[in-house]
């Protein structure tokens, strides 16, 4: 399941933007910080899980029930975004 940012809780500190290995978090035109669900891999294959949620100082990042993906899809996104971290056999 992709992650989403709770706009009313987010302080717009930007820590999650720099932490995302997929470059899937950005600032929207209205100043809100948003996660592109089609870029979110929940950091599949990386130790510790979703890095954005781990570093958020106000716990503004949660599962997005509107974008449920299986483990294969999440890992595929991670590999596509970070080919150097996941060498192909």
N, C-alpha and C. Protein backbone atom coordinates (compact mmCIF):
# COMPACT_ATOMS: atom_id res chain seq x y z
N UNK A 1 0.85 -1.17 0.00
CA UNK A 1 0.00 0.00 0.00
C UNK A 1 0.90 1.24 0.00
N UNK A 2 0.63 2.14 -0.90
CA UNK A 2 1.40 3.37 -0.95
C UNK A 2 1.16 4.19 0.31
N UNK A 3 1.98 5.18 0.50
CA UNK A 3 1.85 6.08 1.65
C UNK A 3 1.21 7.39 1.19
N UNK A 4 0.63 8.10 2.14
CA UNK A 4 0.10 9.43 1.86
C UNK A 4 0.43 10.33 3.04
N UNK A 5 0.43 11.62 2.78
CA UNK A 5 0.75 12.61 3.80
C UNK A 5 -0.54 13.28 4.26
N UNK A 6 -0.73 13.35 5.55
CA UNK A 6 -1.91 14.01 6.13
C UNK A 6 -1.60 15.51 6.15
N UNK A 7 -2.22 16.23 5.24
CA UNK A 7 -1.90 17.65 5.05
C UNK A 7 -2.10 18.48 6.31
N UNK A 8 -3.13 18.17 7.08
CA UNK A 8 -3.42 18.96 8.29
C UNK A 8 -2.40 18.74 9.40
N UNK A 9 -1.63 17.65 9.30
CA UNK A 9 -0.64 17.33 10.33
C UNK A 9 0.76 17.74 9.88
N UNK A 10 1.01 17.65 8.58
CA UNK A 10 2.33 17.93 8.01
C UNK A 10 2.77 19.38 8.30
N UNK A 11 4.02 19.53 8.74
CA UNK A 11 4.57 20.86 9.00
C UNK A 11 5.37 21.39 7.81
N UNK A 12 5.45 20.60 6.74
CA UNK A 12 6.16 20.97 5.50
C UNK A 12 7.65 21.20 5.73
N UNK A 13 8.22 20.38 6.63
CA UNK A 13 9.65 20.51 6.94
C UNK A 13 10.53 20.02 5.80
N UNK A 14 10.01 19.09 4.98
CA UNK A 14 10.75 18.59 3.81
C UNK A 14 11.70 17.44 4.07
N UNK A 15 11.77 16.96 5.30
CA UNK A 15 12.68 15.86 5.60
C UNK A 15 12.34 14.64 4.75
N UNK A 16 11.06 14.35 4.59
CA UNK A 16 10.64 13.18 3.81
C UNK A 16 11.04 13.30 2.34
N UNK A 17 11.06 14.52 1.82
CA UNK A 17 11.41 14.73 0.40
C UNK A 17 12.83 14.24 0.13
N UNK A 18 13.75 14.60 0.98
CA UNK A 18 15.14 14.20 0.78
C UNK A 18 15.39 12.75 1.15
N UNK A 19 14.54 12.17 1.98
CA UNK A 19 14.72 10.79 2.43
C UNK A 19 14.20 9.76 1.43
N UNK A 20 13.28 10.14 0.58
CA UNK A 20 12.66 9.19 -0.36
C UNK A 20 13.66 8.74 -1.42
N UNK A 21 13.99 7.43 -1.45
CA UNK A 21 14.96 6.95 -2.44
C UNK A 21 14.39 6.93 -3.86
N UNK A 22 13.08 7.04 -4.01
CA UNK A 22 12.45 7.00 -5.32
C UNK A 22 12.15 8.39 -5.89
N UNK A 23 12.48 9.42 -5.12
CA UNK A 23 12.17 10.80 -5.51
C UNK A 23 10.68 10.94 -5.80
N UNK A 24 9.87 10.28 -4.97
CA UNK A 24 8.43 10.27 -5.16
C UNK A 24 7.66 11.23 -4.27
N UNK A 25 8.38 12.07 -3.53
CA UNK A 25 7.73 13.03 -2.64
C UNK A 25 8.16 14.43 -3.07
N UNK A 26 7.20 15.32 -3.19
CA UNK A 26 7.51 16.67 -3.66
C UNK A 26 6.51 17.65 -3.09
N UNK A 27 6.80 18.91 -3.27
CA UNK A 27 5.91 19.96 -2.83
C UNK A 27 4.95 20.29 -3.97
N UNK A 28 3.66 20.31 -3.66
CA UNK A 28 2.64 20.65 -4.65
C UNK A 28 2.59 22.17 -4.83
N UNK A 29 1.88 22.60 -5.83
CA UNK A 29 1.76 24.03 -6.12
C UNK A 29 1.18 24.84 -4.98
N UNK A 30 0.37 24.20 -4.14
CA UNK A 30 -0.26 24.91 -3.02
C UNK A 30 0.60 24.88 -1.75
N UNK A 31 1.79 24.28 -1.84
CA UNK A 31 2.68 24.22 -0.69
C UNK A 31 2.59 22.93 0.10
N UNK A 32 1.56 22.13 -0.14
CA UNK A 32 1.46 20.84 0.53
C UNK A 32 2.53 19.89 0.02
N UNK A 33 2.98 19.01 0.88
CA UNK A 33 3.93 17.97 0.49
C UNK A 33 3.10 16.74 0.15
N UNK A 34 3.37 16.14 -1.02
CA UNK A 34 2.57 15.02 -1.49
C UNK A 34 3.47 13.86 -1.93
N UNK A 35 2.92 12.66 -1.83
CA UNK A 35 3.61 11.45 -2.29
C UNK A 35 2.93 10.98 -3.56
N UNK A 36 3.71 10.79 -4.62
CA UNK A 36 3.18 10.25 -5.86
C UNK A 36 2.98 8.75 -5.67
N UNK A 37 1.72 8.32 -5.60
CA UNK A 37 1.45 6.92 -5.28
C UNK A 37 2.09 5.96 -6.28
N UNK A 38 2.24 6.39 -7.52
CA UNK A 38 2.83 5.51 -8.53
C UNK A 38 4.36 5.45 -8.44
N UNK A 39 4.94 6.24 -7.56
CA UNK A 39 6.39 6.20 -7.31
C UNK A 39 6.70 5.54 -5.97
N UNK A 40 5.70 5.45 -5.11
CA UNK A 40 5.91 4.92 -3.76
C UNK A 40 6.05 3.40 -3.79
N UNK A 41 7.17 2.93 -3.26
CA UNK A 41 7.40 1.49 -3.17
C UNK A 41 7.40 1.03 -1.71
N UNK A 42 7.07 1.94 -0.81
CA UNK A 42 7.16 1.68 0.63
C UNK A 42 8.59 1.25 0.99
N UNK A 43 9.53 1.66 0.18
CA UNK A 43 10.95 1.31 0.35
C UNK A 43 11.13 -0.22 0.38
N UNK A 44 10.35 -0.90 -0.44
CA UNK A 44 10.44 -2.36 -0.55
C UNK A 44 11.87 -2.76 -0.87
N UNK A 45 12.35 -3.77 -0.18
CA UNK A 45 13.69 -4.26 -0.41
C UNK A 45 14.76 -3.53 0.37
N UNK A 46 14.40 -2.44 1.02
CA UNK A 46 15.35 -1.68 1.81
C UNK A 46 15.09 -1.93 3.29
N UNK A 47 16.13 -2.08 4.04
CA UNK A 47 15.99 -2.38 5.47
C UNK A 47 15.26 -1.25 6.19
N UNK A 48 14.32 -1.61 7.02
CA UNK A 48 13.62 -0.63 7.84
C UNK A 48 12.28 -0.19 7.32
N UNK A 49 11.97 -0.48 6.06
CA UNK A 49 10.66 -0.10 5.52
C UNK A 49 10.60 1.35 5.09
N UNK A 50 9.42 1.90 5.11
CA UNK A 50 9.15 3.25 4.58
C UNK A 50 9.97 4.31 5.31
N UNK A 51 10.93 4.83 4.61
CA UNK A 51 11.84 5.83 5.21
C UNK A 51 11.14 7.13 5.53
N UNK A 52 10.21 7.53 4.69
CA UNK A 52 9.51 8.80 4.93
C UNK A 52 8.78 8.77 6.27
N UNK A 53 8.09 7.67 6.52
CA UNK A 53 7.34 7.55 7.77
C UNK A 53 8.27 7.49 8.97
N UNK A 54 9.44 6.88 8.79
CA UNK A 54 10.39 6.78 9.90
C UNK A 54 10.96 8.14 10.29
N UNK A 55 11.16 9.03 9.31
CA UNK A 55 11.81 10.31 9.62
C UNK A 55 10.85 11.45 9.91
N UNK A 56 9.56 11.25 9.63
CA UNK A 56 8.59 12.33 9.84
C UNK A 56 8.49 12.66 11.33
N UNK A 57 8.81 13.90 11.71
CA UNK A 57 8.81 14.26 13.13
C UNK A 57 7.41 14.40 13.74
N UNK A 58 6.38 14.47 12.90
CA UNK A 58 5.03 14.67 13.43
C UNK A 58 4.07 13.53 13.04
N UNK A 59 4.60 12.43 12.55
CA UNK A 59 3.79 11.27 12.17
C UNK A 59 2.66 11.62 11.21
N UNK A 60 3.01 12.38 10.17
CA UNK A 60 2.01 12.81 9.19
C UNK A 60 1.89 11.88 7.99
N UNK A 61 2.59 10.76 8.02
CA UNK A 61 2.59 9.84 6.88
C UNK A 61 1.93 8.53 7.30
N UNK A 62 0.95 8.12 6.49
CA UNK A 62 0.21 6.90 6.80
C UNK A 62 -0.04 6.11 5.52
N UNK A 63 -0.55 4.89 5.69
CA UNK A 63 -0.92 4.07 4.54
C UNK A 63 -2.04 4.75 3.77
N UNK A 64 -2.00 4.62 2.45
CA UNK A 64 -3.04 5.17 1.59
C UNK A 64 -3.96 4.04 1.14
N UNK A 65 -5.12 3.90 1.76
CA UNK A 65 -6.01 2.79 1.43
C UNK A 65 -6.54 2.83 0.00
N UNK A 66 -6.43 3.97 -0.67
CA UNK A 66 -6.89 4.08 -2.05
C UNK A 66 -5.89 3.52 -3.05
N UNK A 67 -4.69 3.20 -2.59
CA UNK A 67 -3.64 2.70 -3.49
C UNK A 67 -2.96 1.49 -2.86
N UNK A 68 -3.62 0.36 -2.99
CA UNK A 68 -3.10 -0.90 -2.47
C UNK A 68 -2.33 -1.62 -3.57
N UNK A 69 -1.10 -1.98 -3.27
CA UNK A 69 -0.26 -2.69 -4.24
C UNK A 69 0.33 -3.92 -3.60
N UNK A 70 0.53 -4.95 -4.40
CA UNK A 70 1.14 -6.16 -3.87
C UNK A 70 2.66 -5.98 -3.79
N UNK A 71 3.30 -6.88 -3.09
CA UNK A 71 4.75 -6.79 -2.85
C UNK A 71 5.54 -6.76 -4.16
N UNK A 72 5.10 -7.51 -5.15
CA UNK A 72 5.79 -7.55 -6.44
C UNK A 72 5.77 -6.18 -7.12
N UNK A 73 4.64 -5.51 -7.08
CA UNK A 73 4.52 -4.17 -7.68
C UNK A 73 5.41 -3.18 -6.93
N UNK A 74 5.39 -3.24 -5.61
CA UNK A 74 6.21 -2.32 -4.81
C UNK A 74 7.69 -2.53 -5.09
N UNK A 75 8.11 -3.78 -5.15
CA UNK A 75 9.52 -4.08 -5.42
C UNK A 75 9.91 -3.65 -6.83
N UNK A 76 9.02 -3.82 -7.78
CA UNK A 76 9.28 -3.39 -9.15
C UNK A 76 9.51 -1.89 -9.22
N UNK A 77 8.71 -1.13 -8.48
CA UNK A 77 8.91 0.33 -8.44
C UNK A 77 10.27 0.68 -7.83
N UNK A 78 10.61 -0.03 -6.77
CA UNK A 78 11.89 0.24 -6.10
C UNK A 78 13.06 -0.04 -7.04
N UNK A 79 13.00 -1.14 -7.76
CA UNK A 79 14.07 -1.51 -8.69
C UNK A 79 14.15 -0.49 -9.82
N UNK A 80 13.00 -0.10 -10.36
CA UNK A 80 12.96 0.87 -11.46
C UNK A 80 13.57 2.21 -11.03
N UNK A 81 13.28 2.64 -9.82
CA UNK A 81 13.77 3.93 -9.33
C UNK A 81 15.22 3.88 -8.85
N UNK A 82 15.69 2.70 -8.46
CA UNK A 82 17.02 2.56 -7.88
C UNK A 82 17.75 1.34 -8.42
N UNK A 83 18.04 1.29 -9.71
CA UNK A 83 18.64 0.09 -10.29
C UNK A 83 19.98 -0.28 -9.66
N UNK A 84 20.72 0.66 -9.16
CA UNK A 84 22.01 0.38 -8.55
C UNK A 84 21.91 -0.34 -7.20
N UNK A 85 20.78 -0.20 -6.54
CA UNK A 85 20.59 -0.86 -5.24
C UNK A 85 20.13 -2.30 -5.39
N UNK A 86 19.59 -2.62 -6.57
CA UNK A 86 19.02 -3.95 -6.79
C UNK A 86 19.60 -4.57 -8.05
N UNK A 87 20.82 -5.10 -7.96
CA UNK A 87 21.42 -5.69 -9.16
C UNK A 87 20.61 -6.88 -9.67
N UNK A 88 20.49 -6.96 -10.97
CA UNK A 88 19.75 -8.04 -11.61
C UNK A 88 20.69 -9.22 -11.80
N UNK A 89 20.22 -10.41 -11.43
CA UNK A 89 21.02 -11.61 -11.60
C UNK A 89 21.06 -12.04 -13.04
